[in-house]
Amino acid sequence: MKHDKTDKQIKEFLKRELPQAPVNPWFTRKVMNRLPEKRPNWAARIENAGFLVAAITLGIFWYMLISTTTTSNVITVGDIFNYVVMIAMSIALSAGYMFSILRKI
């Protein structure tokens, strides 16, 4: 509580004592033009490549699972377990990718 009061006092002091910035519609553009070029983010590229490899691998496993299930006449407990695991892995991969995108926003 004491910090809130101190923060308010500092804010009011700065607002009173510092000069106001002049109104200039070109200010943002000037600042943005003077910023350095964005460097490529290699970590994001590696992360996206990892998600792509995981998605392709998961797709191959889904194909293998579905093709072996459709060729046999019986669905076993092992097949059901494999489907549950594959669904969980698909959800985990999708959630990981979504969180990765949302973190960058």
C-alpha atoms as a PDB file:
ATOM      1  CA  MET A   1       0.000   0.000   0.000  1.00  0.00           C
ATOM      2  CA  LYS A   2       2.836   2.358   0.821  1.00  0.00           C
ATOM      3  CA  HIS A   3       4.381   1.694  -2.598  1.00  0.00           C
ATOM      4  CA  ASP A   4       1.145   2.628  -4.358  1.00  0.00           C
ATOM      5  CA  LYS A   5       1.140   6.023  -2.658  1.00  0.00           C
ATOM      6  CA  THR A   6       4.809   6.576  -3.481  1.00  0.00           C
ATOM      7  CA  ASP A   7       4.245   5.553  -7.105  1.00  0.00           C
ATOM      8  CA  LYS A   8       1.356   7.995  -7.402  1.00  0.00           C
ATOM      9  CA  GLN A   9       3.450  10.782  -5.927  1.00  0.00           C
ATOM     10  CA  ILE A  10       6.304  10.100  -8.330  1.00  0.00           C
ATOM     11  CA  LYS A  11       3.890   9.957 -11.273  1.00  0.00           C
ATOM     12  CA  GLU A  12       2.287  13.260 -10.299  1.00  0.00           C
ATOM     13  CA  PHE A  13       5.687  14.888  -9.749  1.00  0.00           C
ATOM     14  CA  LEU A  14       6.956  13.800 -13.161  1.00  0.00           C
ATOM     15  CA  LYS A  15       3.753  14.910 -14.847  1.00  0.00           C
ATOM     16  CA  ARG A  16       4.035  18.342 -13.209  1.00  0.00           C
ATOM     17  CA  GLU A  17       7.761  18.935 -13.681  1.00  0.00           C
ATOM     18  CA  LEU A  18       8.623  17.407 -17.041  1.00  0.00           C
ATOM     19  CA  PRO A  19       7.765  19.174 -20.285  1.00  0.00           C
ATOM     20  CA  GLN A  20       5.092  17.631 -22.464  1.00  0.00           C
ATOM     21  CA  ALA A  21       6.141  16.047 -25.736  1.00  0.00           C
ATOM     22  CA  PRO A  22       5.176  18.108 -28.760  1.00  0.00           C
ATOM     23  CA  VAL A  23       2.358  16.772 -30.909  1.00  0.00           C
ATOM     24  CA  ASN A  24       3.871  15.444 -34.113  1.00  0.00           C
ATOM     25  CA  PRO A  25       1.989  12.982 -36.348  1.00  0.00           C
ATOM     26  CA  TRP A  26       5.269  11.878 -37.965  1.00  0.00           C
ATOM     27  CA  PHE A  27       6.922  10.968 -34.661  1.00  0.00           C
ATOM     28  CA  THR A  28       6.052   7.260 -34.775  1.00  0.00           C
ATOM     29  CA  ARG A  29       7.159   6.850 -38.370  1.00  0.00           C
ATOM     30  CA  LYS A  30      10.448   8.673 -37.702  1.00  0.00           C
ATOM     31  CA  VAL A  31      11.176   6.460 -34.706  1.00  0.00           C
ATOM     32  CA  MET A  32      10.265   3.256 -36.546  1.00  0.00           C
ATOM     33  CA  ASN A  33      12.423   4.224 -39.545  1.00  0.00           C
ATOM     34  CA  ARG A  34      15.428   4.783 -37.311  1.00  0.00           C
ATOM     35  CA  LEU A  35      15.199   1.427 -35.559  1.00  0.00           C
ATOM     36  CA  PRO A  36      17.743  -1.176 -36.657  1.00  0.00           C
ATOM     37  CA  GLU A  37      16.690  -3.909 -39.078  1.00  0.00           C
ATOM     38  CA  LYS A  38      15.124  -6.955 -37.469  1.00  0.00           C
ATOM     39  CA  ARG A  39      17.567  -9.813 -37.300  1.00  0.00           C
ATOM     40  CA  PRO A  40      16.357 -13.282 -38.208  1.00  0.00           C
ATOM     41  CA  ASN A  41      15.246 -15.243 -35.170  1.00  0.00           C
ATOM     42  CA  TRP A  42      17.011 -18.576 -35.510  1.00  0.00           C
ATOM     43  CA  ALA A  43      15.509 -19.992 -32.322  1.00  0.00           C
ATOM     44  CA  ALA A  44      11.986 -19.494 -33.706  1.00  0.00           C
ATOM     45  CA  ARG A  45      12.978 -21.149 -36.981  1.00  0.00           C
ATOM     46  CA  ILE A  46      14.452 -24.134 -35.171  1.00  0.00           C
ATOM     47  CA  GLU A  47      11.341 -24.363 -32.983  1.00  0.00           C
ATOM     48  CA  ASN A  48       9.062 -24.301 -36.038  1.00  0.00           C
ATOM     49  CA  ALA A  49      11.213 -26.937 -37.753  1.00  0.00           C
ATOM     50  CA  GLY A  50      10.887 -29.125 -34.653  1.00  0.00           C
ATOM     51  CA  PHE A  51       7.115 -28.750 -34.685  1.00  0.00           C
ATOM     52  CA  LEU A  52       7.066 -29.602 -38.400  1.00  0.00           C
ATOM     53  CA  VAL A  53       9.166 -32.755 -37.890  1.00  0.00           C
ATOM     54  CA  ALA A  54       6.955 -33.782 -34.959  1.00  0.00           C
ATOM     55  CA  ALA A  55       3.788 -33.205 -37.007  1.00  0.00           C
ATOM     56  CA  ILE A  56       5.116 -35.249 -39.940  1.00  0.00           C
ATOM     57  CA  THR A  57       6.184 -38.058 -37.598  1.00  0.00           C
ATOM     58  CA  LEU A  58       2.809 -37.996 -35.878  1.00  0.00           C
ATOM     59  CA  GLY A  59       1.069 -38.097 -39.267  1.00  0.00           C
ATOM     60  CA  ILE A  60       3.116 -41.157 -40.271  1.00  0.00           C
ATOM     61  CA  PHE A  61       2.223 -42.894 -37.002  1.00  0.00           C
ATOM     62  CA  TRP A  62      -1.459 -42.054 -37.525  1.00  0.00           C
ATOM     63  CA  TYR A  63      -1.279 -43.552 -41.042  1.00  0.00           C
ATOM     64  CA  MET A  64       0.416 -46.690 -39.748  1.00  0.00           C
ATOM     65  CA  LEU A  65      -2.090 -47.084 -36.914  1.00  0.00           C
ATOM     66  CA  ILE A  66      -5.135 -46.595 -39.106  1.00  0.00           C
ATOM     67  CA  SER A  67      -3.816 -48.865 -41.876  1.00  0.00           C
ATOM     68  CA  THR A  68      -3.040 -51.728 -39.458  1.00  0.00           C
ATOM     69  CA  THR A  69      -6.411 -51.344 -37.751  1.00  0.00           C
ATOM     70  CA  THR A  70      -8.376 -51.381 -41.013  1.00  0.00           C
ATOM     71  CA  THR A  71      -6.570 -54.470 -42.348  1.00  0.00           C
ATOM     72  CA  SER A  72      -7.339 -56.571 -39.274  1.00  0.00           C
ATOM     73  CA  ASN A  73     -10.839 -57.806 -38.476  1.00  0.00           C
ATOM     74  CA  VAL A  74     -10.522 -57.236 -34.743  1.00  0.00           C
ATOM     75  CA  ILE A  75      -9.927 -54.182 -32.565  1.00  0.00           C
ATOM     76  CA  THR A  76      -7.852 -55.102 -29.536  1.00  0.00           C
ATOM     77  CA  VAL A  77      -7.273 -53.371 -26.237  1.00  0.00           C
ATOM     78  CA  GLY A  78      -3.812 -52.492 -27.542  1.00  0.00           C
ATOM     79  CA  ASP A  79      -5.384 -50.740 -30.547  1.00  0.00           C
ATOM     80  CA  ILE A  80      -7.630 -48.690 -28.274  1.00  0.00           C
ATOM     81  CA  PHE A  81      -4.640 -47.813 -26.089  1.00  0.00           C
ATOM     82  CA  ASN A  82      -2.659 -46.759 -29.176  1.00  0.00           C
ATOM     83  CA  TYR A  83      -5.518 -44.535 -30.348  1.00  0.00           C
ATOM     84  CA  VAL A  84      -5.785 -42.883 -26.922  1.00  0.00           C
ATOM     85  CA  VAL A  85      -2.032 -42.247 -26.869  1.00  0.00           C
ATOM     86  CA  MET A  86      -2.080 -40.874 -30.427  1.00  0.00           C
ATOM     87  CA  ILE A  87      -4.971 -38.546 -29.619  1.00  0.00           C
ATOM     88  CA  ALA A  88      -3.146 -37.321 -26.501  1.00  0.00           C
ATOM     89  CA  MET A  89       0.039 -36.738 -28.520  1.00  0.00           C
ATOM     90  CA  SER A  90      -1.896 -34.864 -31.210  1.00  0.00           C
ATOM     91  CA  ILE A  91      -3.538 -32.627 -28.620  1.00  0.00           C
ATOM     92  CA  ALA A  92      -0.199 -32.023 -26.879  1.00  0.00           C
ATOM     93  CA  LEU A  93       1.518 -31.114 -30.152  1.00  0.00           C
ATOM     94  CA  SER A  94      -1.313 -28.793 -31.170  1.00  0.00           C
ATOM     95  CA  ALA A  95      -1.381 -27.119 -27.745  1.00  0.00           C
ATOM     96  CA  GLY A  96       2.404 -26.701 -27.746  1.00  0.00           C
ATOM     97  CA  TYR A  97       2.322 -25.050 -31.145  1.00  0.00           C
ATOM     98  CA  MET A  98      -0.572 -22.763 -30.149  1.00  0.00           C
ATOM     99  CA  PHE A  99       1.168 -21.712 -26.921  1.00  0.00           C
ATOM    100  CA  SER A 100       4.335 -21.066 -28.907  1.00  0.00           C
ATOM    101  CA  ILE A 101       2.456 -18.751 -31.263  1.00  0.00           C
ATOM    102  CA  LEU A 102       0.564 -17.007 -28.450  1.00  0.00           C
ATOM    103  CA  ARG A 103       3.782 -16.448 -26.513  1.00  0.00           C
ATOM    104  CA  LYS A 104       5.204 -14.474 -29.448  1.00  0.00           C
ATOM    105  CA  ILE A 105       2.209 -12.157 -29.661  1.00  0.00           C
END
